[in-house]
Amino acid sequence: MNGGAAGTSEVWEAVVDPVLAAGPAIERRSRYADKPALVLDGREIAHFDAPDRVDLRITRSGWATVAARFAADPAVRRDPTRRDWLELVLTSPADVARLHNLITAAVAANR
């Protein structure tokens, strides 16, 4: 899927790289929809939602370690009813680079 799967975006591809580098994740189809996802130890930790949207799973304790740095970031949307999921609104790969530590914290929290 990496390398421009139909319907994905350059921001999804920018998310894939740090996730794969941070842990033994694999890219496959989401269990929630027919879209690309990243899975770590059988657990879906991210999925492509739209050209500018990625859902990222971070545990409560993982979020607690990075919330002070990322809670006010306009690209990070946290809905408490979705428990472990954040919605990332990403307009460019530069947004992904800015959120690199959040993404790698999510991978670590899901190990």
C-alpha atoms as a PDB file:
ATOM      1  CA  MET A   1       0.000   0.000   0.000  1.00  0.00           C
ATOM      2  CA  ASN A   2       2.849   2.342   0.708  1.00  0.00           C
ATOM      3  CA  GLY A   3       3.800   4.327  -2.359  1.00  0.00           C
ATOM      4  CA  GLY A   4       0.496   5.842  -3.366  1.00  0.00           C
ATOM      5  CA  ALA A   5      -2.392   3.412  -2.983  1.00  0.00           C
ATOM      6  CA  ALA A   6      -5.475   4.592  -4.836  1.00  0.00           C
ATOM      7  CA  GLY A   7      -7.329   7.192  -2.811  1.00  0.00           C
ATOM      8  CA  THR A   8      -4.582   7.830  -0.278  1.00  0.00           C
ATOM      9  CA  SER A   9      -2.686  11.056   0.083  1.00  0.00           C
ATOM     10  CA  GLU A  10       0.826  12.308   0.576  1.00  0.00           C
ATOM     11  CA  VAL A  11       0.012  13.024   4.228  1.00  0.00           C
ATOM     12  CA  TRP A  12      -0.938   9.370   4.786  1.00  0.00           C
ATOM     13  CA  GLU A  13       2.352   8.331   3.229  1.00  0.00           C
ATOM     14  CA  ALA A  14       4.128  10.808   5.552  1.00  0.00           C
ATOM     15  CA  VAL A  15       2.439   9.127   8.558  1.00  0.00           C
ATOM     16  CA  VAL A  16       3.378   5.623   7.427  1.00  0.00           C
ATOM     17  CA  ASP A  17       7.129   6.264   7.491  1.00  0.00           C
ATOM     18  CA  PRO A  18       7.551   7.296  11.160  1.00  0.00           C
ATOM     19  CA  VAL A  19       5.157   4.575  12.343  1.00  0.00           C
ATOM     20  CA  LEU A  20       7.041   1.851  10.492  1.00  0.00           C
ATOM     21  CA  ALA A  21      10.349   3.263  11.746  1.00  0.00           C
ATOM     22  CA  ALA A  22       9.161   3.412  15.374  1.00  0.00           C
ATOM     23  CA  GLY A  23       7.943  -0.137  15.738  1.00  0.00           C
ATOM     24  CA  PRO A  24       7.226  -3.439  14.080  1.00  0.00           C
ATOM     25  CA  ALA A  25       4.022  -2.152  12.476  1.00  0.00           C
ATOM     26  CA  ILE A  26       2.615  -3.328   9.168  1.00  0.00           C
ATOM     27  CA  GLU A  27       0.413  -1.581   6.639  1.00  0.00           C
ATOM     28  CA  ARG A  28      -2.805  -3.334   5.608  1.00  0.00           C
ATOM     29  CA  ARG A  29      -6.520  -2.651   5.079  1.00  0.00           C
ATOM     30  CA  SER A  30      -8.431  -1.174   8.027  1.00  0.00           C
ATOM     31  CA  ARG A  31     -10.858  -3.328   9.937  1.00  0.00           C
ATOM     32  CA  TYR A  32     -13.161  -0.277  10.125  1.00  0.00           C
ATOM     33  CA  ALA A  33     -13.394   0.544   6.408  1.00  0.00           C
ATOM     34  CA  ASP A  34     -11.801  -0.247   3.059  1.00  0.00           C
ATOM     35  CA  LYS A  35      -8.903   2.108   3.696  1.00  0.00           C
ATOM     36  CA  PRO A  36      -5.207   1.753   4.532  1.00  0.00           C
ATOM     37  CA  ALA A  37      -4.259   1.191   8.155  1.00  0.00           C
ATOM     38  CA  LEU A  38      -1.214   0.597  10.292  1.00  0.00           C
ATOM     39  CA  VAL A  39      -1.285  -2.358  12.667  1.00  0.00           C
ATOM     40  CA  LEU A  40       1.052  -3.123  15.562  1.00  0.00           C
ATOM     41  CA  ASP A  41       0.884  -6.516  17.245  1.00  0.00           C
ATOM     42  CA  GLY A  42      -2.553  -7.136  15.730  1.00  0.00           C
ATOM     43  CA  ARG A  43      -3.933  -3.803  16.949  1.00  0.00           C
ATOM     44  CA  GLU A  44      -4.901  -1.087  14.490  1.00  0.00           C
ATOM     45  CA  ILE A  45      -3.090   2.066  15.564  1.00  0.00           C
ATOM     46  CA  ALA A  46      -3.777   4.387  12.634  1.00  0.00           C
ATOM     47  CA  HIS A  47      -5.966   4.544   9.579  1.00  0.00           C
ATOM     48  CA  PHE A  48      -6.445   6.844   6.656  1.00  0.00           C
ATOM     49  CA  ASP A  49      -9.802   8.575   6.944  1.00  0.00           C
ATOM     50  CA  ALA A  50      -9.721  11.196   4.170  1.00  0.00           C
ATOM     51  CA  PRO A  51      -7.043  13.040   2.165  1.00  0.00           C
ATOM     52  CA  ASP A  52      -6.436  15.364   5.119  1.00  0.00           C
ATOM     53  CA  ARG A  53      -7.509  13.119   8.011  1.00  0.00           C
ATOM     54  CA  VAL A  54      -5.802  10.280   9.859  1.00  0.00           C
ATOM     55  CA  ASP A  55      -7.154   8.580  12.958  1.00  0.00           C
ATOM     56  CA  LEU A  56      -4.396   7.727  15.437  1.00  0.00           C
ATOM     57  CA  ARG A  57      -4.796   5.408  18.429  1.00  0.00           C
ATOM     58  CA  ILE A  58      -2.996   6.494  21.567  1.00  0.00           C
ATOM     59  CA  THR A  59      -3.697   5.021  24.976  1.00  0.00           C
ATOM     60  CA  ARG A  60      -4.788   7.220  27.867  1.00  0.00           C
ATOM     61  CA  SER A  61      -1.383   6.915  29.486  1.00  0.00           C
ATOM     62  CA  GLY A  62       0.305   7.638  26.153  1.00  0.00           C
ATOM     63  CA  TRP A  63      -1.804  10.774  25.690  1.00  0.00           C
ATOM     64  CA  ALA A  64      -0.948  11.876  29.239  1.00  0.00           C
ATOM     65  CA  THR A  65       2.749  11.887  28.311  1.00  0.00           C
ATOM     66  CA  VAL A  66       2.270  14.209  25.306  1.00  0.00           C
ATOM     67  CA  ALA A  67      -0.944  16.133  26.008  1.00  0.00           C
ATOM     68  CA  ALA A  68       0.790  19.237  27.348  1.00  0.00           C
ATOM     69  CA  ARG A  69       2.696  19.563  24.080  1.00  0.00           C
ATOM     70  CA  PHE A  70      -0.034  18.638  21.586  1.00  0.00           C
ATOM     71  CA  ALA A  71      -3.488  19.306  23.110  1.00  0.00           C
ATOM     72  CA  ALA A  72      -3.590  22.872  21.766  1.00  0.00           C
ATOM     73  CA  ASP A  73      -2.287  21.963  18.308  1.00  0.00           C
ATOM     74  CA  PRO A  74      -5.052  22.722  15.770  1.00  0.00           C
ATOM     75  CA  ALA A  75      -4.191  19.546  13.851  1.00  0.00           C
ATOM     76  CA  VAL A  76      -4.979  17.341  16.857  1.00  0.00           C
ATOM     77  CA  ARG A  77      -8.611  16.723  17.672  1.00  0.00           C
ATOM     78  CA  ARG A  78      -9.449  14.654  20.711  1.00  0.00           C
ATOM     79  CA  ASP A  79     -13.012  13.523  21.265  1.00  0.00           C
ATOM     80  CA  PRO A  80     -13.285  11.987  24.766  1.00  0.00           C
ATOM     81  CA  THR A  81     -16.105   9.719  23.561  1.00  0.00           C
ATOM     82  CA  ARG A  82     -13.641   7.989  21.194  1.00  0.00           C
ATOM     83  CA  ARG A  83     -11.451   6.933  24.131  1.00  0.00           C
ATOM     84  CA  ASP A  84      -8.057   6.066  22.611  1.00  0.00           C
ATOM     85  CA  TRP A  85      -8.421   7.730  19.199  1.00  0.00           C
ATOM     86  CA  LEU A  86      -7.241  11.138  18.004  1.00  0.00           C
ATOM     87  CA  GLU A  87      -8.205  12.686  14.704  1.00  0.00           C
ATOM     88  CA  LEU A  88      -5.279  14.355  12.981  1.00  0.00           C
ATOM     89  CA  VAL A  89      -6.156  17.060  10.459  1.00  0.00           C
ATOM     90  CA  LEU A  90      -3.118  17.165   8.223  1.00  0.00           C
ATOM     91  CA  THR A  91      -2.783  19.627   5.378  1.00  0.00           C
ATOM     92  CA  SER A  92       0.766  18.708   4.362  1.00  0.00           C
ATOM     93  CA  PRO A  93       3.684  16.447   5.219  1.00  0.00           C
ATOM     94  CA  ALA A  94       5.026  19.396   7.263  1.00  0.00           C
ATOM     95  CA  ASP A  95       2.100  18.876   9.683  1.00  0.00           C
ATOM     96  CA  VAL A  96       3.165  15.258  10.055  1.00  0.00           C
ATOM     97  CA  ALA A  97       6.761  16.308  10.727  1.00  0.00           C
ATOM     98  CA  ARG A  98       5.560  18.719  13.424  1.00  0.00           C
ATOM     99  CA  LEU A  99       3.570  15.881  15.053  1.00  0.00           C
ATOM    100  CA  HIS A 100       6.370  13.312  14.784  1.00  0.00           C
ATOM    101  CA  ASN A 101       6.789  12.970  18.561  1.00  0.00           C
ATOM    102  CA  LEU A 102       3.036  12.469  19.000  1.00  0.00           C
ATOM    103  CA  ILE A 103       3.023   9.734  16.361  1.00  0.00           C
ATOM    104  CA  THR A 104       5.984   7.918  17.849  1.00  0.00           C
ATOM    105  CA  ALA A 105       4.470   8.247  21.358  1.00  0.00           C
ATOM    106  CA  ALA A 106       1.328   6.565  20.021  1.00  0.00           C
ATOM    107  CA  VAL A 107       3.383   3.687  18.641  1.00  0.00           C
ATOM    108  CA  ALA A 108       5.216   3.288  21.962  1.00  0.00           C
ATOM    109  CA  ALA A 109       1.953   3.422  23.931  1.00  0.00           C
ATOM    110  CA  ASN A 110       0.471   0.621  21.840  1.00  0.00           C
ATOM    111  CA  ARG A 111       3.377  -1.793  22.265  1.00  0.00           C
END
